[in-house]
Amino acid sequence: MRKRSYGVAVAAALILAAILAEPLMRNGGAVHAADNPSPRPPAMEVPVTPAVEKTVPVYLTYIGTTDAIRTVTLQAQVTGYLSRRLVPDGADVTKGELLYQIDPRNYQALLDQAKAQAQKDEAALQYAAASHHRNEVMSKTGDVSIDVLQQSASTELQDNAAIAADHAAIETAQLNLGYTEIRAPFNGRLSLSLVNEGALISVAGTQINTLVQLDPIYATFDPPDSDLPEIQKAQAKAPIPAEVIVGDGTTPQYRGTVTFLDNNVARTTGTITARATIENPDHTLLPGQFVSVRLHIADQPNAILVPQVAVGSSQLGKYVYLVGQNNTVEQRYVTLGADYGPLVVVAKGVAKDDSVIVGNLLKIGPGMPVKPVPASPPPQAAASQGDGQ
């Protein structure tokens, strides 16, 4: 019985060995598993765009505030009751436009009185001149004494002086009558009126309204003294273009030039006060707003730009993925500069015409095979506009 059991066990072992060896016995001979590797996965398609080389503007950006070039408080030069308000509160007005009218009747009467007095004195002067001439003729024949002749000459001179005084009185009366009309001294925008019709306006200092000039307008900012050499160097060549950005935007809404640089640096802050004069034809920029002021101080030639979407970040720094040799992914750590719309300057790490991967960035890694395809649409056009940040 033992011999029979042993024979059965041997037979079972041979059958199991044959089953295990069957995958290795094909095509009439022995085949090793290492000679039949699994198929390689296909390369992933990735959109790419070439790194571009352009001349880009160099900007210095500061936070500033807007200020009106001219602000005046409207006051009267004569006393009287306000008879009319001709423009509403907050209106945009032009130079010379009539804003308020003080009752002019009293000042018109004073002007008429001065003119009447002038007519009276002119009549007296005519008689005095004729009398003096007659006395001159008669004094030659001895019919008029020297004393009478001198009196007639004095009377003529006094009447001439009276006429001069009358002309001054007329001029004063005309000025006072004109002062009853309060007109805009320059183009600007009114504030809230502080008086209404029927109010007594006095010369003692009744404030009527406030007028501010809005076009152009100042943008005041405080660059640090470390930027002063660059600003002065650019200013020595030509007026520095200035751009103003309001809110969170990136595109300049207003433009002008730097027109003022203070003559001292604040000791407490290490900054210097500067000012740009900004065109504001639509009056949409108001005094007191916080703005970003961007100065175009130079141009940087041969700058390398890549799309911002291609830039990744790790603990080691910023990087981009490029298509390297044999269409494999190459990781390059880069040093970035200013950004210009969808593009950013790469100061170090990328060369002109390097194929930069701009899509499927989370699905690829260094050394991975890829199939590059052109990115659509290409984002290079934004850099040519020079809209940097």
Protein backbone atom coordinates (compact mmCIF):
# COMPACT_ATOMS: atom_id res chain seq x y z
CA MET A 1 0.00 0.00 0.00
CA ARG A 2 2.81 2.38 0.76
CA LYS A 3 4.41 1.83 -2.67
CA ARG A 4 1.09 2.50 -4.41
CA SER A 5 0.52 5.78 -2.50
CA TYR A 6 4.03 6.89 -3.34
CA GLY A 7 3.42 6.28 -7.03
CA VAL A 8 0.20 8.29 -7.00
CA ALA A 9 1.98 11.27 -5.36
CA VAL A 10 4.75 11.23 -7.92
CA ALA A 11 2.26 11.20 -10.77
CA ALA A 12 0.38 14.16 -9.32
CA ALA A 13 3.61 16.12 -8.96
CA LEU A 14 4.50 15.50 -12.60
CA ILE A 15 1.07 16.66 -13.77
CA LEU A 16 1.35 19.93 -11.72
CA ALA A 17 4.82 20.61 -13.12
CA ALA A 18 3.51 20.14 -16.64
CA ILE A 19 0.67 22.63 -16.01
CA LEU A 20 3.06 25.25 -14.63
CA ALA A 21 5.49 24.79 -17.50
CA GLU A 22 2.83 25.06 -20.24
CA PRO A 23 2.95 28.93 -20.64
CA LEU A 24 6.68 28.66 -21.27
CA MET A 25 6.37 25.97 -23.97
CA ARG A 26 5.00 27.57 -27.10
CA ASN A 27 5.93 27.45 -30.80
CA GLY A 28 7.82 24.23 -30.28
CA GLY A 29 10.45 25.57 -27.85
CA ALA A 30 11.05 27.32 -24.50
CA VAL A 31 10.22 31.07 -24.33
CA HIS A 32 11.32 33.32 -21.45
CA ALA A 33 8.78 35.81 -19.95
CA ALA A 34 11.35 38.63 -20.04
CA ASP A 35 11.45 38.40 -23.83
CA ASN A 36 7.76 39.53 -24.11
CA PRO A 37 7.40 42.90 -22.23
CA SER A 38 4.00 44.70 -21.84
CA PRO A 39 3.22 47.37 -24.54
CA ARG A 40 4.39 50.99 -23.81
CA PRO A 41 1.54 53.53 -23.23
CA PRO A 42 1.05 56.16 -26.00
CA ALA A 43 2.60 59.64 -25.50
CA MET A 44 0.17 62.24 -24.13
CA GLU A 45 -0.66 65.21 -26.32
CA VAL A 46 0.37 68.53 -24.72
CA PRO A 47 -0.19 72.04 -26.12
CA VAL A 48 3.05 73.99 -26.52
CA THR A 49 4.03 77.51 -27.49
CA PRO A 50 7.50 78.90 -28.18
CA ALA A 51 9.16 81.31 -25.77
CA VAL A 52 9.23 84.71 -27.48
CA GLU A 53 11.82 87.47 -27.44
CA LYS A 54 10.52 91.04 -27.42
CA THR A 55 11.32 94.57 -26.28
CA VAL A 56 9.11 95.29 -23.29
CA PRO A 57 8.55 98.47 -21.25
CA VAL A 58 10.00 98.79 -17.75
CA TYR A 59 7.59 100.22 -15.19
CA LEU A 60 7.75 101.54 -11.67
CA THR A 61 4.38 101.26 -9.91
CA TYR A 62 3.20 103.20 -6.85
CA ILE A 63 0.01 103.78 -4.88
CA GLY A 64 -1.13 107.39 -5.04
CA THR A 65 -4.10 109.71 -4.67
CA THR A 66 -5.74 112.16 -7.01
CA ASP A 67 -5.84 115.91 -6.33
CA ALA A 68 -7.58 118.77 -8.09
CA ILE A 69 -5.28 121.21 -9.84
CA ARG A 70 -7.48 124.14 -8.77
CA THR A 71 -10.09 124.38 -6.03
CA VAL A 72 -11.85 127.64 -5.18
CA THR A 73 -14.57 128.65 -2.75
CA LEU A 74 -17.07 130.90 -4.50
CA GLN A 75 -17.80 134.10 -2.55
CA ALA A 76 -19.45 137.41 -3.37
CA GLN A 77 -17.71 140.80 -3.56
CA VAL A 78 -20.92 142.74 -2.94
CA THR A 79 -23.76 142.52 -0.45
CA GLY A 80 -27.28 141.67 -1.53
CA TYR A 81 -30.03 139.08 -1.63
CA LEU A 82 -29.52 136.01 -3.82
CA SER A 83 -32.13 136.21 -6.54
CA ARG A 84 -31.28 133.20 -8.77
CA ARG A 85 -29.37 129.91 -8.90
CA LEU A 86 -28.76 129.07 -12.53
CA VAL A 87 -27.07 125.63 -12.32
CA PRO A 88 -27.85 122.59 -10.16
CA ASP A 89 -25.58 121.14 -7.50
CA GLY A 90 -22.75 118.99 -8.86
CA ALA A 91 -23.01 120.42 -12.38
CA ASP A 92 -20.07 120.57 -14.78
CA VAL A 93 -19.62 124.21 -15.77
CA THR A 94 -17.44 126.11 -18.22
CA LYS A 95 -15.31 129.18 -17.64
CA GLY A 96 -17.43 132.35 -17.56
CA GLU A 97 -20.75 130.54 -17.11
CA LEU A 98 -23.24 132.38 -14.87
CA LEU A 99 -23.81 130.42 -11.66
CA TYR A 100 -25.53 132.77 -9.17
CA GLN A 101 -27.27 136.13 -9.49
CA ILE A 102 -27.43 138.65 -6.63
CA ASP A 103 -30.22 141.26 -6.84
CA PRO A 104 -28.62 143.92 -9.10
CA ARG A 105 -31.19 146.74 -8.80
CA ASN A 106 -29.41 148.72 -6.10
CA TYR A 107 -26.09 148.56 -7.96
CA GLN A 108 -27.77 149.48 -11.25
CA ALA A 109 -29.20 152.58 -9.55
CA LEU A 110 -25.77 153.57 -8.25
CA LEU A 111 -24.35 153.21 -11.75
CA ASP A 112 -27.12 155.39 -13.20
CA GLN A 113 -26.46 158.01 -10.51
CA ALA A 114 -22.73 158.07 -11.31
CA LYS A 115 -23.47 158.51 -15.01
CA ALA A 116 -25.89 161.36 -14.29
CA GLN A 117 -23.34 163.13 -12.14
CA ALA A 118 -20.81 162.78 -14.95
CA GLN A 119 -23.23 164.42 -17.39
CA LYS A 120 -23.79 167.31 -14.97
CA ASP A 121 -20.06 167.84 -14.49
CA GLU A 122 -19.44 167.68 -18.24
CA ALA A 123 -21.96 170.49 -18.74
CA ALA A 124 -20.27 172.55 -16.04
CA LEU A 125 -16.91 171.91 -17.69
CA GLN A 126 -18.19 173.17 -21.03
CA TYR A 127 -19.36 176.46 -19.44
CA ALA A 128 -16.10 176.81 -17.48
CA ALA A 129 -14.03 176.26 -20.64
CA ALA A 130 -16.04 178.84 -22.58
CA SER A 131 -15.86 181.35 -19.71
CA HIS A 132 -12.11 180.93 -19.41
CA HIS A 133 -11.63 181.46 -23.13
CA ARG A 134 -13.77 184.62 -23.05
CA ASN A 135 -11.85 185.99 -20.07
CA GLU A 136 -8.55 185.37 -21.87
CA VAL A 137 -9.71 187.48 -24.81
CA MET A 138 -11.10 190.26 -22.63
CA SER A 139 -8.03 190.36 -20.40
CA LYS A 140 -5.97 191.43 -23.40
CA THR A 141 -8.08 194.58 -23.76
CA GLY A 142 -8.16 195.20 -20.04
CA ASP A 143 -11.90 194.50 -19.72
CA VAL A 144 -11.25 191.59 -17.30
CA SER A 145 -8.85 191.63 -14.43
CA ILE A 146 -6.09 189.08 -13.93
CA ASP A 147 -7.89 187.76 -10.82
CA VAL A 148 -11.06 186.95 -12.77
CA LEU A 149 -8.99 185.24 -15.46
CA GLN A 150 -7.25 183.08 -12.88
CA GLN A 151 -10.58 182.18 -11.22
CA SER A 152 -12.02 181.02 -14.55
CA ALA A 153 -8.91 178.92 -15.22
CA SER A 154 -9.19 177.31 -11.76
CA THR A 155 -12.86 176.56 -12.32
CA GLU A 156 -12.07 174.80 -15.60
CA LEU A 157 -9.39 172.68 -13.94
CA GLN A 158 -11.75 171.74 -11.08
CA ASP A 159 -14.44 170.67 -13.52
CA ASN A 160 -11.91 168.53 -15.38
CA ALA A 161 -11.00 166.82 -12.08
CA ALA A 162 -14.69 166.29 -11.33
CA ILE A 163 -15.10 164.57 -14.69
CA ALA A 164 -12.17 162.25 -13.87
CA ALA A 165 -13.76 161.42 -10.50
CA ASP A 166 -17.07 160.75 -12.23
CA HIS A 167 -15.40 158.30 -14.61
CA ALA A 168 -13.86 156.46 -11.63
CA ALA A 169 -17.24 156.36 -9.90
CA ILE A 170 -18.85 154.94 -13.04
CA GLU A 171 -16.15 152.30 -13.31
CA THR A 172 -16.63 151.34 -9.64
CA ALA A 173 -20.40 151.16 -10.07
CA GLN A 174 -19.99 148.98 -13.17
CA LEU A 175 -17.65 146.64 -11.28
CA ASN A 176 -20.07 146.33 -8.38
CA LEU A 177 -22.91 145.66 -10.77
CA GLY A 178 -20.81 142.96 -12.44
CA TYR A 179 -20.04 141.42 -9.05
CA THR A 180 -23.74 140.66 -8.64
CA GLU A 181 -23.15 137.91 -11.21
CA ILE A 182 -21.04 135.06 -9.84
CA ARG A 183 -19.46 133.23 -12.76
CA ALA A 184 -17.19 130.18 -13.04
CA PRO A 185 -13.53 131.24 -13.03
CA PHE A 186 -12.51 128.05 -14.89
CA ASN A 187 -13.94 124.81 -16.23
CA GLY A 188 -14.84 122.46 -13.41
CA ARG A 189 -17.51 120.81 -11.29
CA LEU A 190 -19.59 122.40 -8.55
CA SER A 191 -20.21 120.94 -5.13
CA LEU A 192 -23.31 121.40 -2.95
CA SER A 193 -24.70 124.94 -2.82
CA LEU A 194 -24.43 126.53 0.61
CA VAL A 195 -27.06 129.23 -0.03
CA ASN A 196 -30.50 129.37 -1.58
CA GLU A 197 -32.62 132.04 -3.24
CA GLY A 198 -33.54 134.81 -0.83
CA ALA A 199 -30.46 134.43 1.36
CA LEU A 200 -28.57 137.61 2.22
CA ILE A 201 -25.09 137.43 0.78
CA SER A 202 -22.51 139.57 2.57
CA VAL A 203 -19.01 140.59 1.68
CA ALA A 204 -17.90 139.46 5.14
CA GLY A 205 -17.30 135.94 3.84
CA THR A 206 -20.49 134.14 2.85
CA GLN A 207 -19.40 130.89 1.18
CA ILE A 208 -21.65 130.05 -1.74
CA ASN A 209 -20.19 126.89 -3.29
CA THR A 210 -16.94 125.12 -4.15
CA LEU A 211 -15.62 124.64 -7.68
CA VAL A 212 -12.89 122.12 -8.56
CA GLN A 213 -11.05 121.59 -11.81
CA LEU A 214 -11.20 117.97 -13.02
CA ASP A 215 -9.36 118.08 -16.34
CA PRO A 216 -6.49 117.71 -16.10
CA ILE A 217 -6.06 116.30 -12.61
CA TYR A 218 -3.06 115.49 -10.43
CA ALA A 219 -1.99 112.01 -9.33
CA THR A 220 0.28 112.39 -6.31
CA PHE A 221 2.52 109.51 -5.16
CA ASP A 222 5.59 108.94 -2.97
CA PRO A 223 8.37 106.84 -4.53
CA PRO A 224 11.16 105.64 -2.21
CA ASP A 225 14.51 107.34 -2.47
CA SER A 226 15.99 104.08 -3.81
CA ASP A 227 13.98 104.62 -7.03
CA LEU A 228 15.05 108.25 -7.32
CA PRO A 229 18.14 107.61 -9.53
CA GLU A 230 16.09 105.70 -12.11
CA ILE A 231 13.39 108.37 -12.16
CA GLN A 232 15.87 111.22 -12.48
CA LYS A 233 17.76 109.41 -15.24
CA ALA A 234 14.56 108.91 -17.24
CA GLN A 235 13.39 112.46 -16.55
CA ALA A 236 16.66 113.89 -17.87
CA LYS A 237 15.95 112.33 -21.28
CA ALA A 238 12.28 113.25 -21.71
CA PRO A 239 9.06 113.73 -19.74
CA ILE A 240 8.22 110.42 -18.05
CA PRO A 241 4.93 108.90 -19.30
CA ALA A 242 2.58 108.09 -16.43
CA GLU A 243 -0.43 105.77 -16.47
CA VAL A 244 -3.17 105.58 -13.86
CA ILE A 245 -5.08 102.42 -13.00
CA VAL A 246 -8.19 102.58 -10.82
CA GLY A 247 -9.36 99.65 -8.70
CA ASP A 248 -8.22 96.11 -9.39
CA GLY A 249 -7.78 96.57 -13.13
CA THR A 250 -4.60 95.90 -15.06
CA THR A 251 -5.23 98.11 -18.08
CA PRO A 252 -4.43 101.83 -17.71
CA GLN A 253 -7.54 104.02 -17.90
CA TYR A 254 -5.79 107.40 -17.78
CA ARG A 255 -2.49 108.76 -19.10
CA GLY A 256 -0.27 111.78 -18.55
CA THR A 257 3.28 112.76 -17.65
CA VAL A 258 5.30 113.34 -14.48
CA THR A 259 5.34 117.11 -13.90
CA PHE A 260 6.67 117.51 -10.37
CA LEU A 261 9.41 115.97 -8.24
CA ASP A 262 9.95 117.50 -4.81
CA ASN A 263 13.29 118.98 -3.75
CA ASN A 264 13.73 116.94 -0.55
CA VAL A 265 13.28 113.42 0.80
CA ALA A 266 11.15 112.95 3.92
CA ARG A 267 13.44 111.83 6.73
CA THR A 268 10.75 109.85 8.52
CA THR A 269 9.64 107.77 5.53
CA GLY A 270 12.55 107.91 3.08
CA THR A 271 10.18 108.89 0.27
CA ILE A 272 9.90 111.87 -2.04
CA THR A 273 6.69 113.50 -3.19
CA ALA A 274 6.04 113.30 -6.93
CA ARG A 275 3.11 114.28 -9.08
CA ALA A 276 1.80 113.42 -12.53
CA THR A 277 -0.62 115.53 -14.52
CA ILE A 278 -3.30 113.21 -15.94
CA GLU A 279 -5.77 113.86 -18.74
CA ASN A 280 -9.34 113.41 -17.51
CA PRO A 281 -11.63 114.61 -20.32
CA ASP A 282 -14.67 112.60 -19.19
CA HIS A 283 -14.36 113.83 -15.58
CA THR A 284 -14.58 110.23 -14.35
CA LEU A 285 -11.52 110.59 -12.09
CA LEU A 286 -12.30 112.62 -8.97
CA PRO A 287 -10.04 114.19 -6.33
CA GLY A 288 -9.29 111.97 -3.36
CA GLN A 289 -9.33 108.60 -5.14
CA PHE A 290 -6.69 105.95 -4.46
CA VAL A 291 -5.02 104.89 -7.71
CA SER A 292 -2.03 102.95 -9.01
CA VAL A 293 0.46 105.18 -10.79
CA ARG A 294 2.74 103.44 -13.28
CA LEU A 295 5.81 105.18 -14.69
CA HIS A 296 7.33 104.04 -17.97
CA ILE A 297 11.00 104.73 -17.28
CA ALA A 298 12.75 102.56 -19.90
CA ASP A 299 12.47 99.71 -22.41
CA GLN A 300 14.06 96.28 -21.93
CA PRO A 301 15.25 94.73 -25.22
CA ASN A 302 15.55 90.98 -25.89
CA ALA A 303 13.27 89.98 -23.03
CA ILE A 304 12.14 86.32 -23.01
CA LEU A 305 8.42 85.88 -22.33
CA VAL A 306 6.36 82.76 -21.65
CA PRO A 307 2.66 82.33 -20.86
CA GLN A 308 1.82 82.78 -17.21
CA VAL A 309 -0.31 79.62 -17.27
CA ALA A 310 2.83 77.60 -17.94
CA VAL A 311 4.49 78.62 -14.66
CA GLY A 312 4.29 76.17 -11.77
CA SER A 313 5.52 76.44 -8.21
CA SER A 314 7.18 74.05 -5.78
CA GLN A 315 9.24 74.26 -2.63
CA LEU A 316 12.31 74.82 -4.78
CA GLY A 317 10.80 77.79 -6.65
CA LYS A 318 9.03 78.62 -9.90
CA TYR A 319 9.39 76.28 -12.87
CA VAL A 320 8.08 75.56 -16.35
CA TYR A 321 7.82 72.32 -18.34
CA LEU A 322 9.56 72.23 -21.71
CA VAL A 323 9.59 69.65 -24.50
CA GLY A 324 13.14 68.28 -24.37
CA GLN A 325 15.07 65.72 -26.37
CA ASN A 326 13.11 62.77 -27.82
CA ASN A 327 9.87 64.62 -26.96
CA THR A 328 10.23 64.07 -23.22
CA VAL A 329 9.23 66.52 -20.49
CA GLU A 330 12.02 68.69 -19.08
CA GLN A 331 11.52 70.71 -15.91
CA ARG A 332 13.29 74.09 -15.77
CA TYR A 333 13.41 76.30 -12.67
CA VAL A 334 13.15 79.95 -13.68
CA THR A 335 13.62 83.49 -12.39
CA LEU A 336 10.63 85.66 -13.29
CA GLY A 337 10.35 89.37 -14.01
CA ALA A 338 7.37 91.61 -14.70
CA ASP A 339 4.21 90.24 -16.25
CA TYR A 340 2.57 91.68 -19.36
CA GLY A 341 -1.01 90.59 -19.74
CA PRO A 342 -0.97 86.78 -20.17
CA LEU A 343 2.81 86.69 -20.53
CA VAL A 344 5.60 86.98 -17.97
CA VAL A 345 9.28 87.81 -18.41
CA VAL A 346 11.70 84.97 -17.65
CA ALA A 347 15.00 86.49 -16.58
CA LYS A 348 16.74 83.12 -16.30
CA GLY A 349 15.99 79.52 -17.22
CA VAL A 350 14.38 79.69 -20.68
CA ALA A 351 15.82 80.57 -24.08
CA LYS A 352 14.17 81.95 -27.19
CA ASP A 353 12.02 79.43 -29.11
CA ASP A 354 12.07 76.82 -26.31
CA SER A 355 8.85 74.79 -26.56
CA VAL A 356 6.93 75.63 -23.39
CA ILE A 357 4.11 73.29 -22.33
CA VAL A 358 0.97 75.27 -21.48
CA GLY A 359 -1.62 72.49 -20.90
CA ASN A 360 -2.14 69.15 -19.15
CA LEU A 361 0.40 70.30 -16.59
CA LEU A 362 -1.07 68.19 -13.78
CA LYS A 363 -0.81 65.02 -15.84
CA ILE A 364 2.86 65.20 -16.77
CA GLY A 365 6.19 65.02 -15.01
CA PRO A 366 9.93 65.19 -15.79
CA GLY A 367 11.08 62.52 -18.28
CA MET A 368 7.58 61.60 -19.40
CA PRO A 369 7.12 61.12 -23.18
CA VAL A 370 4.71 63.60 -24.76
CA LYS A 371 3.36 64.52 -28.14
CA PRO A 372 3.59 68.34 -28.61
CA VAL A 373 0.80 70.10 -30.49
CA PRO A 374 0.55 73.87 -31.16
CA ALA A 375 -1.39 75.80 -28.50
CA SER A 376 -4.44 77.67 -29.74
CA PRO A 377 -4.80 80.60 -29.59
CA PRO A 378 -1.20 81.79 -29.08
CA PRO A 379 -0.99 84.38 -26.27
CA GLN A 380 2.02 86.30 -27.55
CA ALA A 381 -0.02 89.18 -28.97
CA ALA A 382 -0.63 90.73 -25.58
CA ALA A 383 3.04 91.51 -25.03
CA SER A 384 3.23 93.68 -28.11
CA GLN A 385 0.71 96.06 -26.52
CA GLY A 386 3.16 96.89 -23.73
CA ASP A 387 0.57 96.60 -20.96
CA GLY A 388 2.73 95.53 -18.06
CA GLN A 389 2.06 95.46 -14.36
